[in-house]
């Protein structure tokens, strides 16, 4: 019985969001509970670090971009 009330409330909320011009999307993200999650993070971090070292032009471009932040606000 209580779940019917919750379901109706969720449905009204979703309908209001749709009326506001939004739509639902589904995304899949890595499962942080997996035993190999931490090792996969380390592997990908190593690959990213190697790519950074190998691409000095990109690092220079990023450094230049950081100096061009005048007028931007968070």
PDB file of N, CA and C in Angstrom:
ATOM      1  N   UNK A   1       0.809  -1.189   0.000  1.00  0.00           N
ATOM      2  CA  UNK A   1       0.000   0.000   0.000  1.00  0.00           C
ATOM      3  C   UNK A   1       0.861   1.266   0.000  1.00  0.00           C
ATOM      4  N   UNK A   2       1.844   1.319   0.886  1.00  0.00           N
ATOM      5  CA  UNK A   2       2.679   2.507   0.971  1.00  0.00           C
ATOM      6  C   UNK A   2       3.480   2.716  -0.299  1.00  0.00           C
ATOM      7  N   UNK A   3       3.888   1.628  -0.954  1.00  0.00           N
ATOM      8  CA  UNK A   3       4.671   1.775  -2.175  1.00  0.00           C
ATOM      9  C   UNK A   3       3.841   2.400  -3.293  1.00  0.00           C
ATOM     10  N   UNK A   4       2.520   2.160  -3.306  1.00  0.00           N
ATOM     11  CA  UNK A   4       1.653   2.774  -4.302  1.00  0.00           C
ATOM     12  C   UNK A   4       1.671   4.291  -4.146  1.00  0.00           C
ATOM     13  N   UNK A   5       1.625   4.764  -2.904  1.00  0.00           N
ATOM     14  CA  UNK A   5       1.685   6.203  -2.649  1.00  0.00           C
ATOM     15  C   UNK A   5       3.009   6.783  -3.141  1.00  0.00           C
ATOM     16  N   UNK A   6       4.092   6.090  -2.831  1.00  0.00           N
ATOM     17  CA  UNK A   6       5.420   6.549  -3.261  1.00  0.00           C
ATOM     18  C   UNK A   6       5.513   6.520  -4.777  1.00  0.00           C
ATOM     19  N   UNK A   7       5.029   5.461  -5.398  1.00  0.00           N
ATOM     20  CA  UNK A   7       5.066   5.368  -6.855  1.00  0.00           C
ATOM     21  C   UNK A   7       4.305   6.513  -7.512  1.00  0.00           C
ATOM     22  N   UNK A   8       3.143   6.846  -6.965  1.00  0.00           N
ATOM     23  CA  UNK A   8       2.344   7.943  -7.513  1.00  0.00           C
ATOM     24  C   UNK A   8       3.082   9.267  -7.359  1.00  0.00           C
ATOM     25  N   UNK A   9       3.711   9.463  -6.209  1.00  0.00           N
ATOM     26  CA  UNK A   9       4.464  10.706  -5.977  1.00  0.00           C
ATOM     27  C   UNK A   9       5.655  10.804  -6.936  1.00  0.00           C
ATOM     28  N   UNK A  10       6.350   9.712  -7.144  1.00  0.00           N
ATOM     29  CA  UNK A  10       7.480   9.705  -8.084  1.00  0.00           C
ATOM     30  C   UNK A  10       6.985   9.994  -9.496  1.00  0.00           C
ATOM     31  N   UNK A  11       5.865   9.388  -9.874  1.00  0.00           N
ATOM     32  CA  UNK A  11       5.317   9.610 -11.202  1.00  0.00           C
ATOM     33  C   UNK A  11       4.937  11.078 -11.400  1.00  0.00           C
ATOM     34  N   UNK A  12       4.317  11.696 -10.406  1.00  0.00           N
ATOM     35  CA  UNK A  12       3.968  13.124 -10.510  1.00  0.00           C
ATOM     36  C   UNK A  12       5.228  13.974 -10.654  1.00  0.00           C
ATOM     37  N   UNK A  13       6.252  13.618  -9.896  1.00  0.00           N
ATOM     38  CA  UNK A  13       7.511  14.362  -9.971  1.00  0.00           C
ATOM     39  C   UNK A  13       8.116  14.243 -11.372  1.00  0.00           C
ATOM     40  N   UNK A  14       8.128  13.041 -11.913  1.00  0.00           N
ATOM     41  CA  UNK A  14       8.673  12.831 -13.262  1.00  0.00           C
ATOM     42  C   UNK A  14       7.862  13.579 -14.311  1.00  0.00           C
ATOM     43  N   UNK A  15       6.564  13.581 -14.168  1.00  0.00           N
ATOM     44  CA  UNK A  15       5.714  14.316 -15.109  1.00  0.00           C
ATOM     45  C   UNK A  15       5.997  15.811 -15.042  1.00  0.00           C
ATOM     46  N   UNK A  16       6.221  16.332 -13.842  1.00  0.00           N
ATOM     47  CA  UNK A  16       6.539  17.754 -13.692  1.00  0.00           C
ATOM     48  C   UNK A  16       7.874  18.067 -14.364  1.00  0.00           C
ATOM     49  N   UNK A  17       8.823  17.196 -14.219  1.00  0.00           N
ATOM     50  CA  UNK A  17      10.116  17.411 -14.877  1.00  0.00           C
ATOM     51  C   UNK A  17       9.965  17.391 -16.393  1.00  0.00           C
ATOM     52  N   UNK A  18       9.150  16.479 -16.902  1.00  0.00           N
ATOM     53  CA  UNK A  18       8.918  16.430 -18.352  1.00  0.00           C
ATOM     54  C   UNK A  18       8.237  17.708 -18.831  1.00  0.00           C
ATOM     55  N   UNK A  19       7.256  18.202 -18.063  1.00  0.00           N
ATOM     56  CA  UNK A  19       6.584  19.453 -18.437  1.00  0.00           C
ATOM     57  C   UNK A  19       7.573  20.616 -18.447  1.00  0.00           C
ATOM     58  N   UNK A  20       8.604  20.517 -17.626  1.00  0.00           N
ATOM     59  CA  UNK A  20       9.625  21.568 -17.569  1.00  0.00           C
ATOM     60  C   UNK A  20      10.623  21.440 -18.715  1.00  0.00           C
ATOM     61  N   UNK A  21      10.419  20.445 -19.582  1.00  0.00           N
ATOM     62  CA  UNK A  21      11.286  20.289 -20.740  1.00  0.00           C
ATOM     63  C   UNK A  21      12.455  19.341 -20.532  1.00  0.00           C
ATOM     64  N   UNK A  22      12.431  18.590 -19.454  1.00  0.00           N
ATOM     65  CA  UNK A  22      13.510  17.645 -19.191  1.00  0.00           C
ATOM     66  C   UNK A  22      13.083  16.245 -19.599  1.00  0.00           C
ATOM     67  N   UNK A  23      14.064  15.387 -19.810  1.00  0.00           N
ATOM     68  CA  UNK A  23      13.758  14.002 -20.112  1.00  0.00           C
ATOM     69  C   UNK A  23      14.713  13.106 -19.351  1.00  0.00           C
ATOM     70  N   UNK A  24      14.270  11.923 -18.994  1.00  0.00           N
ATOM     71  CA  UNK A  24      15.137  11.015 -18.241  1.00  0.00           C
ATOM     72  C   UNK A  24      16.172  10.359 -19.150  1.00  0.00           C
ATOM     73  N   UNK A  25      17.328  10.115 -18.604  1.00  0.00           N
ATOM     74  CA  UNK A  25      18.364   9.360 -19.307  1.00  0.00           C
ATOM     75  C   UNK A  25      18.914   8.312 -18.342  1.00  0.00           C
ATOM     76  N   UNK A  26      19.465   7.284 -18.898  1.00  0.00           N
ATOM     77  CA  UNK A  26      20.076   6.235 -18.080  1.00  0.00           C
ATOM     78  C   UNK A  26      21.548   6.188 -18.419  1.00  0.00           C
ATOM     79  N   UNK A  27      22.396   6.211 -17.409  1.00  0.00           N
ATOM     80  CA  UNK A  27      23.826   6.084 -17.642  1.00  0.00           C
ATOM     81  C   UNK A  27      24.356   4.911 -16.822  1.00  0.00           C
ATOM     82  N   UNK A  28      25.384   4.325 -17.329  1.00  0.00           N
ATOM     83  CA  UNK A  28      26.027   3.217 -16.639  1.00  0.00           C
ATOM     84  C   UNK A  28      27.378   3.698 -16.151  1.00  0.00           C
ATOM     85  N   UNK A  29      27.669   3.432 -14.923  1.00  0.00           N
ATOM     86  CA  UNK A  29      28.937   3.855 -14.329  1.00  0.00           C
ATOM     87  C   UNK A  29      29.642   2.621 -13.758  1.00  0.00           C
ATOM     88  N   UNK A  30      30.957   2.706 -13.590  1.00  0.00           N
ATOM     89  CA  UNK A  30      31.673   1.555 -13.038  1.00  0.00           C
ATOM     90  C   UNK A  30      31.167   1.200 -11.637  1.00  0.00           C
ATOM     91  N   UNK A  31      31.170  -0.077 -11.347  1.00  0.00           N
ATOM     92  CA  UNK A  31      30.748  -0.572 -10.036  1.00  0.00           C
ATOM     93  C   UNK A  31      31.943  -0.492  -9.095  1.00  0.00           C
ATOM     94  N   UNK A  32      31.899   0.455  -8.185  1.00  0.00           N
ATOM     95  CA  UNK A  32      33.016   0.674  -7.263  1.00  0.00           C
ATOM     96  C   UNK A  32      33.166  -0.446  -6.248  1.00  0.00           C
ATOM     97  N   UNK A  33      32.204  -1.358  -6.202  1.00  0.00           N
ATOM     98  CA  UNK A  33      32.271  -2.468  -5.254  1.00  0.00           C
ATOM     99  C   UNK A  33      33.039  -3.670  -5.803  1.00  0.00           C
ATOM    100  N   UNK A  34      33.339  -3.650  -7.078  1.00  0.00           N
ATOM    101  CA  UNK A  34      34.060  -4.777  -7.674  1.00  0.00           C
ATOM    102  C   UNK A  34      35.462  -4.886  -7.096  1.00  0.00           C
ATOM    103  N   UNK A  35      35.931  -6.087  -6.973  1.00  0.00           N
ATOM    104  CA  UNK A  35      37.257  -6.326  -6.389  1.00  0.00           C
ATOM    105  C   UNK A  35      38.368  -5.704  -7.226  1.00  0.00           C
ATOM    106  N   UNK A  36      38.183  -5.636  -8.537  1.00  0.00           N
ATOM    107  CA  UNK A  36      39.240  -5.112  -9.411  1.00  0.00           C
ATOM    108  C   UNK A  36      39.093  -3.622  -9.712  1.00  0.00           C
ATOM    109  N   UNK A  37      38.168  -2.946  -9.040  1.00  0.00           N
ATOM    110  CA  UNK A  37      37.929  -1.538  -9.344  1.00  0.00           C
ATOM    111  C   UNK A  37      39.165  -0.669  -9.084  1.00  0.00           C
ATOM    112  N   UNK A  38      39.783  -0.808  -7.926  1.00  0.00           N
ATOM    113  CA  UNK A  38      40.940   0.028  -7.576  1.00  0.00           C
ATOM    114  C   UNK A  38      42.090  -0.209  -8.549  1.00  0.00           C
ATOM    115  N   UNK A  39      42.331  -1.452  -8.912  1.00  0.00           N
ATOM    116  CA  UNK A  39      43.416  -1.739  -9.856  1.00  0.00           C
ATOM    117  C   UNK A  39      43.115  -1.151 -11.232  1.00  0.00           C
ATOM    118  N   UNK A  40      41.868  -1.207 -11.647  1.00  0.00           N
ATOM    119  CA  UNK A  40      41.501  -0.615 -12.942  1.00  0.00           C
ATOM    120  C   UNK A  40      41.686   0.902 -12.917  1.00  0.00           C
ATOM    121  N   UNK A  41      41.388   1.539 -11.794  1.00  0.00           N
ATOM    122  CA  UNK A  41      41.629   2.978 -11.651  1.00  0.00           C
ATOM    123  C   UNK A  41      43.120   3.279 -11.781  1.00  0.00           C
ATOM    124  N   UNK A  42      43.935   2.473 -11.115  1.00  0.00           N
ATOM    125  CA  UNK A  42      45.385   2.673 -11.205  1.00  0.00           C
ATOM    126  C   UNK A  42      45.873   2.485 -12.641  1.00  0.00           C
ATOM    127  N   UNK A  43      45.373   1.456 -13.313  1.00  0.00           N
ATOM    128  CA  UNK A  43      45.776   1.184 -14.704  1.00  0.00           C
ATOM    129  C   UNK A  43      45.434   2.366 -15.609  1.00  0.00           C
ATOM    130  N   UNK A  44      44.214   2.857 -15.487  1.00  0.00           N
ATOM    131  CA  UNK A  44      43.808   3.979 -16.328  1.00  0.00           C
ATOM    132  C   UNK A  44      44.564   5.254 -15.976  1.00  0.00           C
ATOM    133  N   UNK A  45      44.867   5.443 -14.702  1.00  0.00           N
ATOM    134  CA  UNK A  45      45.646   6.619 -14.285  1.00  0.00           C
ATOM    135  C   UNK A  45      47.052   6.561 -14.859  1.00  0.00           C
ATOM    136  N   UNK A  46      47.646   5.365 -14.854  1.00  0.00           N
ATOM    137  CA  UNK A  46      48.986   5.217 -15.450  1.00  0.00           C
ATOM    138  C   UNK A  46      48.955   5.538 -16.940  1.00  0.00           C
ATOM    139  N   UNK A  47      47.937   5.057 -17.633  1.00  0.00           N
ATOM    140  CA  UNK A  47      47.814   5.340 -19.062  1.00  0.00           C
ATOM    141  C   UNK A  47      47.656   6.842 -19.318  1.00  0.00           C
ATOM    142  N   UNK A  48      46.854   7.493 -18.507  1.00  0.00           N
ATOM    143  CA  UNK A  48      46.656   8.938 -18.671  1.00  0.00           C
ATOM    144  C   UNK A  48      47.947   9.687 -18.394  1.00  0.00           C
ATOM    145  N   UNK A  49      48.684   9.269 -17.371  1.00  0.00           N
ATOM    146  CA  UNK A  49      49.945   9.929 -17.039  1.00  0.00           C
ATOM    147  C   UNK A  49      50.956   9.732 -18.166  1.00  0.00           C
ATOM    148  N   UNK A  50      51.014   8.538 -18.731  1.00  0.00           N
ATOM    149  CA  UNK A  50      51.924   8.277 -19.846  1.00  0.00           C
ATOM    150  C   UNK A  50      51.557   9.136 -21.053  1.00  0.00           C
ATOM    151  N   UNK A  51      50.263   9.279 -21.318  1.00  0.00           N
ATOM    152  CA  UNK A  51      49.818  10.100 -22.441  1.00  0.00           C
ATOM    153  C   UNK A  51      50.186  11.564 -22.206  1.00  0.00           C
ATOM    154  N   UNK A  52      50.065  12.026 -20.965  1.00  0.00           N
ATOM    155  CA  UNK A  52      50.438  13.403 -20.648  1.00  0.00           C
ATOM    156  C   UNK A  52      51.919  13.648 -20.901  1.00  0.00           C
ATOM    157  N   UNK A  53      52.754  12.721 -20.477  1.00  0.00           N
ATOM    158  CA  UNK A  53      54.202  12.859 -20.663  1.00  0.00           C
ATOM    159  C   UNK A  53      54.547  12.855 -22.149  1.00  0.00           C
ATOM    160  N   UNK A  54      53.857  12.013 -22.912  1.00  0.00           N
ATOM    161  CA  UNK A  54      54.151  11.871 -24.336  1.00  0.00           C
ATOM    162  C   UNK A  54      53.660  13.051 -25.165  1.00  0.00           C
ATOM    163  N   UNK A  55      52.755  13.851 -24.640  1.00  0.00           N
ATOM    164  CA  UNK A  55      52.160  14.945 -25.427  1.00  0.00           C
ATOM    165  C   UNK A  55      52.464  16.281 -24.771  1.00  0.00           C
ATOM    166  N   UNK A  56      53.681  16.765 -24.961  1.00  0.00           N
ATOM    167  CA  UNK A  56      54.075  18.039 -24.349  1.00  0.00           C
ATOM    168  C   UNK A  56      53.308  19.218 -24.944  1.00  0.00           C
ATOM    169  N   UNK A  57      52.893  19.107 -26.202  1.00  0.00           N
ATOM    170  CA  UNK A  57      52.104  20.181 -26.811  1.00  0.00           C
ATOM    171  C   UNK A  57      50.777  20.364 -26.076  1.00  0.00           C
ATOM    172  N   UNK A  58      50.162  19.263 -25.703  1.00  0.00           N
ATOM    173  CA  UNK A  58      48.899  19.354 -24.971  1.00  0.00           C
ATOM    174  C   UNK A  58      49.107  20.017 -23.620  1.00  0.00           C
ATOM    175  N   UNK A  59      50.180  19.639 -22.924  1.00  0.00           N
ATOM    176  CA  UNK A  59      50.454  20.241 -21.625  1.00  0.00           C
ATOM    177  C   UNK A  59      50.694  21.736 -21.774  1.00  0.00           C
ATOM    178  N   UNK A  60      51.421  22.130 -22.795  1.00  0.00           N
ATOM    179  CA  UNK A  60      51.663  23.555 -23.048  1.00  0.00           C
ATOM    180  C   UNK A  60      50.341  24.276 -23.321  1.00  0.00           C
ATOM    181  N   UNK A  61      49.483  23.669 -24.117  1.00  0.00           N
ATOM    182  CA  UNK A  61      48.195  24.274 -24.438  1.00  0.00           C
ATOM    183  C   UNK A  61      47.345  24.435 -23.171  1.00  0.00           C
ATOM    184  N   UNK A  62      47.340  23.411 -22.317  1.00  0.00           N
ATOM    185  CA  UNK A  62      46.580  23.498 -21.068  1.00  0.00           C
ATOM    186  C   UNK A  62      47.129  24.588 -20.155  1.00  0.00           C
ATOM    187  N   UNK A  63      48.467  24.699 -20.077  1.00  0.00           N
ATOM    188  CA  UNK A  63      49.066  25.757 -19.269  1.00  0.00           C
ATOM    189  C   UNK A  63      48.679  27.130 -19.790  1.00  0.00           C
ATOM    190  N   UNK A  64      48.686  27.295 -21.091  1.00  0.00           N
ATOM    191  CA  UNK A  64      48.278  28.566 -21.702  1.00  0.00           C
ATOM    192  C   UNK A  64      46.809  28.861 -21.420  1.00  0.00           C
ATOM    193  N   UNK A  65      45.978  27.850 -21.475  1.00  0.00           N
ATOM    194  CA  UNK A  65      44.543  28.037 -21.219  1.00  0.00           C
ATOM    195  C   UNK A  65      44.316  28.516 -19.789  1.00  0.00           C
ATOM    196  N   UNK A  66      45.118  28.028 -18.858  1.00  0.00           N
ATOM    197  CA  UNK A  66      44.962  28.446 -17.463  1.00  0.00           C
ATOM    198  C   UNK A  66      45.280  29.925 -17.271  1.00  0.00           C
ATOM    199  N   UNK A  67      46.147  30.469 -18.091  1.00  0.00           N
ATOM    200  CA  UNK A  67      46.488  31.885 -17.960  1.00  0.00           C
ATOM    201  C   UNK A  67      45.423  32.774 -18.588  1.00  0.00           C
ATOM    202  N   UNK A  68      44.486  32.191 -19.323  1.00  0.00           N
ATOM    203  CA  UNK A  68      43.469  32.954 -20.038  1.00  0.00           C
ATOM    204  C   UNK A  68      42.095  32.825 -19.343  1.00  0.00           C
ATOM    205  N   UNK A  69      42.091  32.961 -18.022  1.00  0.00           N
ATOM    206  CA  UNK A  69      40.854  32.807 -17.279  1.00  0.00           C
ATOM    207  C   UNK A  69      40.252  34.133 -16.820  1.00  0.00           C
ATOM    208  N   UNK A  70      40.876  35.231 -17.184  1.00  0.00           N
ATOM    209  CA  UNK A  70      40.344  36.532 -16.773  1.00  0.00           C
ATOM    210  C   UNK A  70      38.921  36.712 -17.267  1.00  0.00           C
ATOM    211  N   UNK A  71      38.050  37.156 -16.393  1.00  0.00           N
ATOM    212  CA  UNK A  71      36.667  37.399 -16.762  1.00  0.00           C
ATOM    213  C   UNK A  71      35.746  36.203 -16.539  1.00  0.00           C
ATOM    214  N   UNK A  72      36.322  35.046 -16.267  1.00  0.00           N
ATOM    215  CA  UNK A  72      35.512  33.861 -15.993  1.00  0.00           C
ATOM    216  C   UNK A  72      35.175  33.804 -14.515  1.00  0.00           C
ATOM    217  N   UNK A  73      34.015  33.328 -14.210  1.00  0.00           N
ATOM    218  CA  UNK A  73      33.648  33.176 -12.803  1.00  0.00           C
ATOM    219  C   UNK A  73      32.985  31.826 -12.609  1.00  0.00           C
ATOM    220  N   UNK A  74      33.048  31.351 -11.400  1.00  0.00           N
ATOM    221  CA  UNK A  74      32.460  30.033 -11.117  1.00  0.00           C
ATOM    222  C   UNK A  74      31.009  30.154 -10.747  1.00  0.00           C
TER     223      UNK A  74
END
